[in-house]
Amino acid sequence: MQEILKEVFDKISGEKAEEFEKFRALLLEYNQKYNLTSILEKEDVYYKHFLDSGAGAHLFKQNATVAEIGSGAGFPSMVLKILRPDLKLSLFESVGKKCEFLKVIVDNFNFKDVNIYNMRAEDAARDKRFRDKFDYVTARAVARMNSLSEYCLPLVKVNGEFIAYKSGDLTEIEEAKSAYKALNAKLEKVISYELPNGYGERSLAVVKKLDKTPNKYPRGQGKERKDPL
């Protein structure tokens, strides 16, 4: 995995350097207005946001449809789009101001195949346009794994995958096994890695959807967080 990280960083600081510097400039400009991130120093942004988001780029098949829950400032989605222009993205974000920023990024980069929805995860998961429709669903820094699985897995196609960006502490990934089972899914693999220069240990949890999610999930009304599976 460290070799993959090196390849990603070489792209971020090499052939894609101009695009990532443009993204960082827009992040700093709009952060004053939209309060997008507390991570502002250049090196911090490159390692904690860009490299970490890019760490999972190799896990998505060519031309895949990908939904992101809780897109925020576009991590990992906008980083993935810069690295993997072939991906077709649907971004779900409940905060209107953050959706406005995502539209700024899409417009400035002239991205194709990116749709932004100002929607809560549980509403998207119950919408027939989106349920069981995506090759992959991803999320980063949104909720604990047992709650997050209930938000994300209903959107995944059968045999598709939910890819969660997580810390290096694997406890919450393990404790969510009852959630995977209830949602007709299984933990396929966990990829652990360490960001360079002391930026911390991280992991990617890959959960495969084995069958359709039971209709009662997500439960809504905050139950996913208050009473996790």
C-alpha atoms as a PDB file:
ATOM      1  CA  MET A   1       0.000   0.000   0.000  1.00  0.00           C
ATOM      2  CA  GLN A   2       2.892   2.401   0.689  1.00  0.00           C
ATOM      3  CA  GLU A   3       3.915   1.959  -2.970  1.00  0.00           C
ATOM      4  CA  ILE A   4       0.405   2.960  -4.062  1.00  0.00           C
ATOM      5  CA  LEU A   5       0.583   6.008  -1.764  1.00  0.00           C
ATOM      6  CA  LYS A   6       3.862   7.023  -3.397  1.00  0.00           C
ATOM      7  CA  GLU A   7       2.291   6.750  -6.861  1.00  0.00           C
ATOM      8  CA  VAL A   8      -0.652   8.901  -5.753  1.00  0.00           C
ATOM      9  CA  PHE A   9       1.620  11.517  -4.190  1.00  0.00           C
ATOM     10  CA  ASP A  10       3.777  11.607  -7.332  1.00  0.00           C
ATOM     11  CA  LYS A  11       0.627  12.422  -9.338  1.00  0.00           C
ATOM     12  CA  ILE A  12      -0.591  15.037  -6.856  1.00  0.00           C
ATOM     13  CA  SER A  13       2.766  16.801  -6.797  1.00  0.00           C
ATOM     14  CA  GLY A  14       3.726  16.011 -10.410  1.00  0.00           C
ATOM     15  CA  GLU A  15       1.466  15.668 -13.461  1.00  0.00           C
ATOM     16  CA  LYS A  16      -1.650  16.827 -11.571  1.00  0.00           C
ATOM     17  CA  ALA A  17       0.134  19.494  -9.490  1.00  0.00           C
ATOM     18  CA  GLU A  18      -1.497  22.452 -11.234  1.00  0.00           C
ATOM     19  CA  GLU A  19      -4.990  21.059 -10.694  1.00  0.00           C
ATOM     20  CA  PHE A  20      -4.409  20.316  -7.024  1.00  0.00           C
ATOM     21  CA  GLU A  21      -2.930  23.748  -6.395  1.00  0.00           C
ATOM     22  CA  LYS A  22      -5.998  25.262  -8.064  1.00  0.00           C
ATOM     23  CA  PHE A  23      -8.248  23.139  -5.818  1.00  0.00           C
ATOM     24  CA  ARG A  24      -6.316  24.257  -2.727  1.00  0.00           C
ATOM     25  CA  ALA A  25      -6.623  27.923  -3.754  1.00  0.00           C
ATOM     26  CA  LEU A  26     -10.398  27.580  -4.156  1.00  0.00           C
ATOM     27  CA  LEU A  27     -10.628  25.760  -0.821  1.00  0.00           C
ATOM     28  CA  LEU A  28      -8.815  28.618   0.934  1.00  0.00           C
ATOM     29  CA  GLU A  29     -10.829  31.295  -0.868  1.00  0.00           C
ATOM     30  CA  TYR A  30     -14.239  29.819  -0.103  1.00  0.00           C
ATOM     31  CA  ASN A  31     -13.345  28.539   3.356  1.00  0.00           C
ATOM     32  CA  GLN A  32     -13.725  32.083   4.731  1.00  0.00           C
ATOM     33  CA  LYS A  33     -17.309  32.135   3.487  1.00  0.00           C
ATOM     34  CA  TYR A  34     -18.415  28.524   3.972  1.00  0.00           C
ATOM     35  CA  ASN A  35     -16.240  27.245   6.861  1.00  0.00           C
ATOM     36  CA  LEU A  36     -15.234  24.089   4.973  1.00  0.00           C
ATOM     37  CA  THR A  37     -12.151  22.891   6.846  1.00  0.00           C
ATOM     38  CA  SER A  38      -9.856  23.736   9.744  1.00  0.00           C
ATOM     39  CA  ILE A  39      -6.907  22.215   7.845  1.00  0.00           C
ATOM     40  CA  LEU A  40      -5.381  25.140   5.942  1.00  0.00           C
ATOM     41  CA  GLU A  41      -1.576  24.837   5.894  1.00  0.00           C
ATOM     42  CA  LYS A  42      -0.332  23.692   2.483  1.00  0.00           C
ATOM     43  CA  GLU A  43       1.476  20.548   3.692  1.00  0.00           C
ATOM     44  CA  ASP A  44      -1.482  19.602   5.916  1.00  0.00           C
ATOM     45  CA  VAL A  45      -3.934  19.946   3.013  1.00  0.00           C
ATOM     46  CA  TYR A  46      -1.731  17.881   0.712  1.00  0.00           C
ATOM     47  CA  TYR A  47      -1.237  14.999   3.137  1.00  0.00           C
ATOM     48  CA  LYS A  48      -4.410  14.959   5.247  1.00  0.00           C
ATOM     49  CA  HIS A  49      -6.891  15.812   2.484  1.00  0.00           C
ATOM     50  CA  PHE A  50      -5.376  15.165  -0.941  1.00  0.00           C
ATOM     51  CA  LEU A  51      -3.150  12.137  -0.338  1.00  0.00           C
ATOM     52  CA  ASP A  52      -5.563  10.471   2.070  1.00  0.00           C
ATOM     53  CA  SER A  53      -8.475  10.940  -0.352  1.00  0.00           C
ATOM     54  CA  GLY A  54      -6.383   9.653  -3.243  1.00  0.00           C
ATOM     55  CA  ALA A  55      -5.339   6.532  -1.329  1.00  0.00           C
ATOM     56  CA  GLY A  56      -8.494   4.718  -2.435  1.00  0.00           C
ATOM     57  CA  ALA A  57      -8.422   5.752  -6.105  1.00  0.00           C
ATOM     58  CA  HIS A  58      -7.187   2.325  -7.245  1.00  0.00           C
ATOM     59  CA  LEU A  59     -10.183   0.523  -5.682  1.00  0.00           C
ATOM     60  CA  PHE A  60     -12.771   1.802  -8.178  1.00  0.00           C
ATOM     61  CA  LYS A  61     -13.237  -0.014 -11.476  1.00  0.00           C
ATOM     62  CA  GLN A  62     -13.077   1.909 -14.757  1.00  0.00           C
ATOM     63  CA  ASN A  63     -16.092   4.178 -15.514  1.00  0.00           C
ATOM     64  CA  ALA A  64     -17.749   3.232 -12.222  1.00  0.00           C
ATOM     65  CA  THR A  65     -20.782   5.022 -10.815  1.00  0.00           C
ATOM     66  CA  VAL A  66     -19.864   6.324  -7.360  1.00  0.00           C
ATOM     67  CA  ALA A  67     -22.060   7.979  -4.729  1.00  0.00           C
ATOM     68  CA  GLU A  68     -20.515   9.946  -1.892  1.00  0.00           C
ATOM     69  CA  ILE A  69     -22.379  10.519   1.362  1.00  0.00           C
ATOM     70  CA  GLY A  70     -21.619  13.712   3.287  1.00  0.00           C
ATOM     71  CA  SER A  71     -19.412  15.242   0.587  1.00  0.00           C
ATOM     72  CA  GLY A  72     -18.456  18.340   2.577  1.00  0.00           C
ATOM     73  CA  ALA A  73     -15.606  20.094   0.774  1.00  0.00           C
ATOM     74  CA  GLY A  74     -15.202  17.202  -1.668  1.00  0.00           C
ATOM     75  CA  PHE A  75     -12.959  14.740   0.150  1.00  0.00           C
ATOM     76  CA  PRO A  76     -12.541  12.169  -1.260  1.00  0.00           C
ATOM     77  CA  SER A  77     -14.826  12.832  -4.275  1.00  0.00           C
ATOM     78  CA  MET A  78     -13.164  15.842  -5.931  1.00  0.00           C
ATOM     79  CA  VAL A  79      -9.698  14.384  -5.374  1.00  0.00           C
ATOM     80  CA  LEU A  80     -10.867  11.115  -6.938  1.00  0.00           C
ATOM     81  CA  LYS A  81     -12.308  13.017  -9.911  1.00  0.00           C
ATOM     82  CA  ILE A  82      -9.005  14.801 -10.553  1.00  0.00           C
ATOM     83  CA  LEU A  83      -7.096  11.513 -10.345  1.00  0.00           C
ATOM     84  CA  ARG A  84      -9.797   9.410 -12.055  1.00  0.00           C
ATOM     85  CA  PRO A  85     -11.754  11.538 -14.573  1.00  0.00           C
ATOM     86  CA  ASP A  86     -13.531   8.360 -15.754  1.00  0.00           C
ATOM     87  CA  LEU A  87     -15.554   8.058 -12.511  1.00  0.00           C
ATOM     88  CA  LYS A  88     -19.208   9.137 -12.619  1.00  0.00           C
ATOM     89  CA  LEU A  89     -20.005  10.836  -9.323  1.00  0.00           C
ATOM     90  CA  SER A  90     -23.201  11.616  -7.416  1.00  0.00           C
ATOM     91  CA  LEU A  91     -22.534  13.719  -4.324  1.00  0.00           C
ATOM     92  CA  PHE A  92     -25.009  13.865  -1.443  1.00  0.00           C
ATOM     93  CA  GLU A  93     -24.554  16.731   1.021  1.00  0.00           C
ATOM     94  CA  SER A  94     -27.186  18.055   3.435  1.00  0.00           C
ATOM     95  CA  VAL A  95     -25.599  21.506   3.968  1.00  0.00           C
ATOM     96  CA  GLY A  96     -26.523  23.932   1.195  1.00  0.00           C
ATOM     97  CA  LYS A  97     -23.384  26.082   1.506  1.00  0.00           C
ATOM     98  CA  LYS A  98     -21.180  23.041   1.008  1.00  0.00           C
ATOM     99  CA  CYS A  99     -23.175  22.107  -2.098  1.00  0.00           C
ATOM    100  CA  GLU A 100     -22.498  25.616  -3.423  1.00  0.00           C
ATOM    101  CA  PHE A 101     -18.765  25.084  -2.941  1.00  0.00           C
ATOM    102  CA  LEU A 102     -18.902  21.693  -4.691  1.00  0.00           C
ATOM    103  CA  LYS A 103     -20.608  23.392  -7.654  1.00  0.00           C
ATOM    104  CA  VAL A 104     -17.783  25.967  -7.727  1.00  0.00           C
ATOM    105  CA  ILE A 105     -15.250  23.123  -7.998  1.00  0.00           C
ATOM    106  CA  VAL A 106     -17.220  21.345 -10.728  1.00  0.00           C
ATOM    107  CA  ASP A 107     -17.579  24.599 -12.714  1.00  0.00           C
ATOM    108  CA  ASN A 108     -13.946  25.658 -12.313  1.00  0.00           C
ATOM    109  CA  PHE A 109     -12.642  22.279 -13.407  1.00  0.00           C
ATOM    110  CA  ASN A 110     -15.353  21.783 -16.029  1.00  0.00           C
ATOM    111  CA  PHE A 111     -15.964  18.301 -14.636  1.00  0.00           C
ATOM    112  CA  LYS A 112     -18.312  16.015 -16.523  1.00  0.00           C
ATOM    113  CA  ASP A 113     -20.498  13.317 -14.934  1.00  0.00           C
ATOM    114  CA  VAL A 114     -20.722  14.945 -11.498  1.00  0.00           C
ATOM    115  CA  ASN A 115     -24.167  15.477  -9.959  1.00  0.00           C
ATOM    116  CA  ILE A 116     -24.631  17.316  -6.656  1.00  0.00           C
ATOM    117  CA  TYR A 117     -27.702  16.725  -4.482  1.00  0.00           C
ATOM    118  CA  ASN A 118     -28.587  18.827  -1.450  1.00  0.00           C
ATOM    119  CA  MET A 119     -30.052  15.826   0.394  1.00  0.00           C
ATOM    120  CA  ARG A 120     -29.707  13.940   3.634  1.00  0.00           C
ATOM    121  CA  ALA A 121     -28.243  10.443   3.312  1.00  0.00           C
ATOM    122  CA  GLU A 122     -31.364   8.718   4.636  1.00  0.00           C
ATOM    123  CA  ASP A 123     -33.573  10.555   2.111  1.00  0.00           C
ATOM    124  CA  ALA A 124     -31.285   9.632  -0.775  1.00  0.00           C
ATOM    125  CA  ALA A 125     -31.268   5.995   0.354  1.00  0.00           C
ATOM    126  CA  ARG A 126     -35.087   5.874   0.219  1.00  0.00           C
ATOM    127  CA  ASP A 127     -35.299   7.552  -3.194  1.00  0.00           C
ATOM    128  CA  LYS A 128     -35.970   5.069  -6.019  1.00  0.00           C
ATOM    129  CA  ARG A 129     -33.627   7.041  -8.298  1.00  0.00           C
ATOM    130  CA  PHE A 130     -30.689   6.139  -6.072  1.00  0.00           C
ATOM    131  CA  ARG A 131     -31.416   3.011  -4.037  1.00  0.00           C
ATOM    132  CA  ASP A 132     -29.469  -0.059  -5.251  1.00  0.00           C
ATOM    133  CA  LYS A 133     -28.067   2.009  -8.139  1.00  0.00           C
ATOM    134  CA  PHE A 134     -24.337   2.611  -7.591  1.00  0.00           C
ATOM    135  CA  ASP A 135     -21.278   0.454  -8.226  1.00  0.00           C
ATOM    136  CA  TYR A 136     -19.677   2.049  -5.172  1.00  0.00           C
ATOM    137  CA  VAL A 137     -20.606   4.318  -2.302  1.00  0.00           C
ATOM    138  CA  THR A 138     -17.912   6.117  -0.348  1.00  0.00           C
ATOM    139  CA  ALA A 139     -17.674   8.404   2.673  1.00  0.00           C
ATOM    140  CA  ARG A 140     -14.985  10.035   4.781  1.00  0.00           C
ATOM    141  CA  ALA A 141     -15.296  11.589   8.256  1.00  0.00           C
ATOM    142  CA  VAL A 142     -19.102  11.313   8.412  1.00  0.00           C
ATOM    143  CA  ALA A 143     -20.120   8.845  11.161  1.00  0.00           C
ATOM    144  CA  ARG A 144     -19.015   5.697  12.968  1.00  0.00           C
ATOM    145  CA  MET A 145     -18.949   2.610  10.781  1.00  0.00           C
ATOM    146  CA  ASN A 146     -22.102   0.942  12.130  1.00  0.00           C
ATOM    147  CA  SER A 147     -24.183   4.099  11.491  1.00  0.00           C
ATOM    148  CA  LEU A 148     -22.409   4.894   8.234  1.00  0.00           C
ATOM    149  CA  SER A 149     -23.104   1.442   6.821  1.00  0.00           C
ATOM    150  CA  GLU A 150     -26.832   1.964   7.302  1.00  0.00           C
ATOM    151  CA  TYR A 151     -26.657   5.265   5.434  1.00  0.00           C
ATOM    152  CA  CYS A 152     -24.476   4.007   2.583  1.00  0.00           C
ATOM    153  CA  LEU A 153     -25.248   0.364   1.807  1.00  0.00           C
ATOM    154  CA  PRO A 154     -28.852   0.925   0.624  1.00  0.00           C
ATOM    155  CA  LEU A 155     -27.428   2.957  -2.285  1.00  0.00           C
ATOM    156  CA  VAL A 156     -25.007   0.231  -3.418  1.00  0.00           C
ATOM    157  CA  LYS A 157     -25.911  -2.226  -6.180  1.00  0.00           C
ATOM    158  CA  VAL A 158     -25.962  -5.899  -5.259  1.00  0.00           C
ATOM    159  CA  ASN A 159     -22.342  -7.110  -5.597  1.00  0.00           C
ATOM    160  CA  GLY A 160     -21.156  -3.506  -5.431  1.00  0.00           C
ATOM    161  CA  GLU A 161     -18.993  -2.090  -2.644  1.00  0.00           C
ATOM    162  CA  PHE A 162     -19.110   0.474   0.114  1.00  0.00           C
ATOM    163  CA  ILE A 163     -15.636   1.999   0.625  1.00  0.00           C
ATOM    164  CA  ALA A 164     -15.164   3.875   3.894  1.00  0.00           C
ATOM    165  CA  TYR A 165     -12.177   6.069   4.691  1.00  0.00           C
ATOM    166  CA  LYS A 166     -11.329   5.546   8.356  1.00  0.00           C
ATOM    167  CA  SER A 167      -8.643   6.123  10.979  1.00  0.00           C
ATOM    168  CA  GLY A 168      -5.975   3.569  11.782  1.00  0.00           C
ATOM    169  CA  ASP A 169      -8.006   2.303  14.752  1.00  0.00           C
ATOM    170  CA  LEU A 170      -9.858  -0.712  13.356  1.00  0.00           C
ATOM    171  CA  THR A 171     -12.157  -1.119  16.373  1.00  0.00           C
ATOM    172  CA  GLU A 172     -15.174   0.576  14.811  1.00  0.00           C
ATOM    173  CA  ILE A 173     -14.792  -1.433  11.592  1.00  0.00           C
ATOM    174  CA  GLU A 174     -14.854  -4.673  13.599  1.00  0.00           C
ATOM    175  CA  GLU A 175     -17.703  -3.595  15.884  1.00  0.00           C
ATOM    176  CA  ALA A 176     -19.888  -2.920  12.819  1.00  0.00           C
ATOM    177  CA  LYS A 177     -19.998  -6.589  11.781  1.00  0.00           C
ATOM    178  CA  SER A 178     -23.556  -6.941  13.088  1.00  0.00           C
ATOM    179  CA  ALA A 179     -24.525  -3.959  10.928  1.00  0.00           C
ATOM    180  CA  TYR A 180     -23.018  -5.515   7.781  1.00  0.00           C
ATOM    181  CA  LYS A 181     -24.951  -8.715   8.449  1.00  0.00           C
ATOM    182  CA  ALA A 182     -28.273  -6.919   9.052  1.00  0.00           C
ATOM    183  CA  LEU A 183     -27.768  -4.969   5.818  1.00  0.00           C
ATOM    184  CA  ASN A 184     -26.945  -8.096   3.739  1.00  0.00           C
ATOM    185  CA  ALA A 185     -23.299  -7.239   3.338  1.00  0.00           C
ATOM    186  CA  LYS A 186     -19.899  -8.478   4.499  1.00  0.00           C
ATOM    187  CA  LEU A 187     -16.549  -6.919   5.267  1.00  0.00           C
ATOM    188  CA  GLU A 188     -14.417  -7.832   2.263  1.00  0.00           C
ATOM    189  CA  LYS A 189     -11.081  -6.358   3.346  1.00  0.00           C
ATOM    190  CA  VAL A 190      -9.404  -3.620   5.332  1.00  0.00           C
ATOM    191  CA  ILE A 191      -6.428  -1.812   3.816  1.00  0.00           C
ATOM    192  CA  SER A 192      -4.230  -0.122   6.402  1.00  0.00           C
ATOM    193  CA  TYR A 193      -1.670   2.522   5.504  1.00  0.00           C
ATOM    194  CA  GLU A 194       0.421   5.257   7.043  1.00  0.00           C
ATOM    195  CA  LEU A 195       0.520   8.784   5.685  1.00  0.00           C
ATOM    196  CA  PRO A 196       4.121  10.054   5.338  1.00  0.00           C
ATOM    197  CA  ASN A 197       5.821  12.605   7.598  1.00  0.00           C
ATOM    198  CA  GLY A 198       3.936  11.563  10.719  1.00  0.00           C
ATOM    199  CA  TYR A 199       0.484  12.393   9.349  1.00  0.00           C
ATOM    200  CA  GLY A 200      -1.004   9.320  10.920  1.00  0.00           C
ATOM    201  CA  GLU A 201      -2.316   5.835  10.351  1.00  0.00           C
ATOM    202  CA  ARG A 202      -5.409   5.410   8.197  1.00  0.00           C
ATOM    203  CA  SER A 203      -7.513   2.589   6.762  1.00  0.00           C
ATOM    204  CA  LEU A 204      -9.942   1.812   3.974  1.00  0.00           C
ATOM    205  CA  ALA A 205     -12.782  -0.583   4.784  1.00  0.00           C
ATOM    206  CA  VAL A 206     -14.262  -2.353   1.760  1.00  0.00           C
ATOM    207  CA  VAL A 207     -17.730  -3.819   2.404  1.00  0.00           C
ATOM    208  CA  LYS A 208     -19.400  -5.940  -0.286  1.00  0.00           C
ATOM    209  CA  LYS A 209     -23.187  -5.911  -0.717  1.00  0.00           C
ATOM    210  CA  LEU A 210     -24.418  -9.502  -1.079  1.00  0.00           C
ATOM    211  CA  ASP A 211     -28.151  -8.896  -1.508  1.00  0.00           C
ATOM    212  CA  LYS A 212     -30.659  -6.037  -1.465  1.00  0.00           C
ATOM    213  CA  THR A 213     -30.801  -4.059   1.756  1.00  0.00           C
ATOM    214  CA  PRO A 214     -33.988  -4.832   3.732  1.00  0.00           C
ATOM    215  CA  ASN A 215     -36.621  -2.153   3.095  1.00  0.00           C
ATOM    216  CA  LYS A 216     -36.698  -0.977   6.712  1.00  0.00           C
ATOM    217  CA  TYR A 217     -33.162   0.462   6.395  1.00  0.00           C
ATOM    218  CA  PRO A 218     -32.178   3.230   6.778  1.00  0.00           C
ATOM    219  CA  ARG A 219     -34.565   3.699   9.702  1.00  0.00           C
ATOM    220  CA  GLY A 220     -34.450   7.524   9.670  1.00  0.00           C
ATOM    221  CA  GLN A 221     -35.259  10.017  12.450  1.00  0.00           C
ATOM    222  CA  GLY A 222     -31.662   9.776  13.648  1.00  0.00           C
ATOM    223  CA  LYS A 223     -31.957   6.137  14.727  1.00  0.00           C
ATOM    224  CA  GLU A 224     -28.887   5.218  12.678  1.00  0.00           C
ATOM    225  CA  ARG A 225     -26.741   7.231  15.110  1.00  0.00           C
ATOM    226  CA  LYS A 226     -28.798   6.976  18.332  1.00  0.00           C
ATOM    227  CA  ASP A 227     -29.308   3.223  18.161  1.00  0.00           C
ATOM    228  CA  PRO A 228     -26.693   1.790  15.750  1.00  0.00           C
ATOM    229  CA  LEU A 229     -27.092  -1.725  14.397  1.00  0.00           C
END
